[in-house]
Amino acid sequence: MALSPLDLTLITARELGGNLVRSGLTALGIFMGVAAVNATLNIGAITNAQIQQKLAARDNPFVVPYIVPAEGFTFSEQPKVSEEDISVLQQTVPGILSISTISQIYGLSSIQFQGQQVADARVVGVSENYQQTTGRKILQGRFFEAADFEQYHPVAILDQALVDQLFQGQSALGQGVYAGGTRFTVVGVSETKTQYADEQPQGELWVTRNYGNALSGGFSYGATQIALRQLNQYQVVQDQVEEILLQRHPNFKVYVYGNAEDLYMEDQQQRTSAMILNIVGLLALVIGGVGIANITVASVVERTREIGLRRAVGATDIEVMLQFMVEVVLLSAVAGVAAVTAVHFLTQTATTTLFIAPYEFKLRDAATSMVQLLLSG
């Protein structure tokens, strides 16, 4: 005779409460397993969020190659990364997102607007795809158009840090700023980012590369900025760029520097730590699974007469098995929810009092912990 859901639940609760030691130890094993997995997922999520925050504060991960003579060094002998080199790199290295050429213009670091002046701004001439390479958003106005490059328009884009210093709350669009005696019309405002770690934003002014080269009269320093599609491709792209440029310039040395080596190393360390923690969590889950199996087997052995009686009055094998499955699910659910709740509050407390770190509860991670427990059982 089949039991109603209510009767099945009451019998299950009574059986679990009838042997509190065994049920408690099993629940503890389940609790530890779920807590270990959930804590591992939380640590990984927090570390990844911290890396993403640092990435958001600077340009897209990029590398910059330099080609120098094998013996000695003079600027007159230093070859530049050519358009042909750039084309080969884009076709050969799959991890490249975009390649831009930039020219830092010397002698134009003082930017003025009416009575305001910024003495140490960074003035650069940029190529058409510089916004894609850096990942900087245009907050107001627009980026450079093709006509700005072709017709040498004296227009400029300022980053937000420079706008705040010069305009102090006023709109910068359409205004004229002066750099080295040249007037530039502001056509856009970009978000402020840094190129490297531990840099302080000093304010940036962009002009078109064509106009910047003409304005500098040779007093500029060019570089090729190669943006990566993903941070985890950092080392691969760096090595491939160096290898290809060495093949194309066999009589020279190639040095490749980047802006995200620290974050790449941090990401790799996080992956290694996560793997170790996952192993620990898996072992804890196995213990929890063994505990589930233990309580199931023990319940079956202890209740042989009850099972025989139920079969005698018409219960099927499926109905009998369902009773034991409900016991397992109920015990796992209670211990698992308790583990997820405890880990959540401990993580929340740690990330707000012991150290400041981005953390938010993710139902997906909690569900993953529970599912892994059930699979291990």
Foldseek 3Di string as FASTA:
>chain_A
DFDDPVVLVVVLVVVCVVCVVLLVVLLVLLLLLLLLLLLLVQLLVQLVQVLVVQCVQWFFWWKWKFWAFPPDGDPVPTDACDPVNVVCLPVPPVFFDDKKKKKWFPQFQWKADVPFIQRGATEMAIEPCVCVQRVWDWPDFDDDDPCCQVVVAQAKEKEPVVCCRHVVPDDQAQGWMDTPRDTHGYRTYIYDHHFAPPDDHRMYMYGHNNNSCVVRVPRIDMIMITGGPDLLCNVVSQVVSQVSVCVVVVRIHMDMDIRCPVSNVSSVVSVVVSVVSVVVSLVSLLSSLVSLVVVLVVVCVVCVVVVVVVVVVPDDPVSVVVSSVVSSVVSSVVSLVVSSVVSVVVVVCCCVPVHPTDGDDDVVSSVVSSVSSVVSD
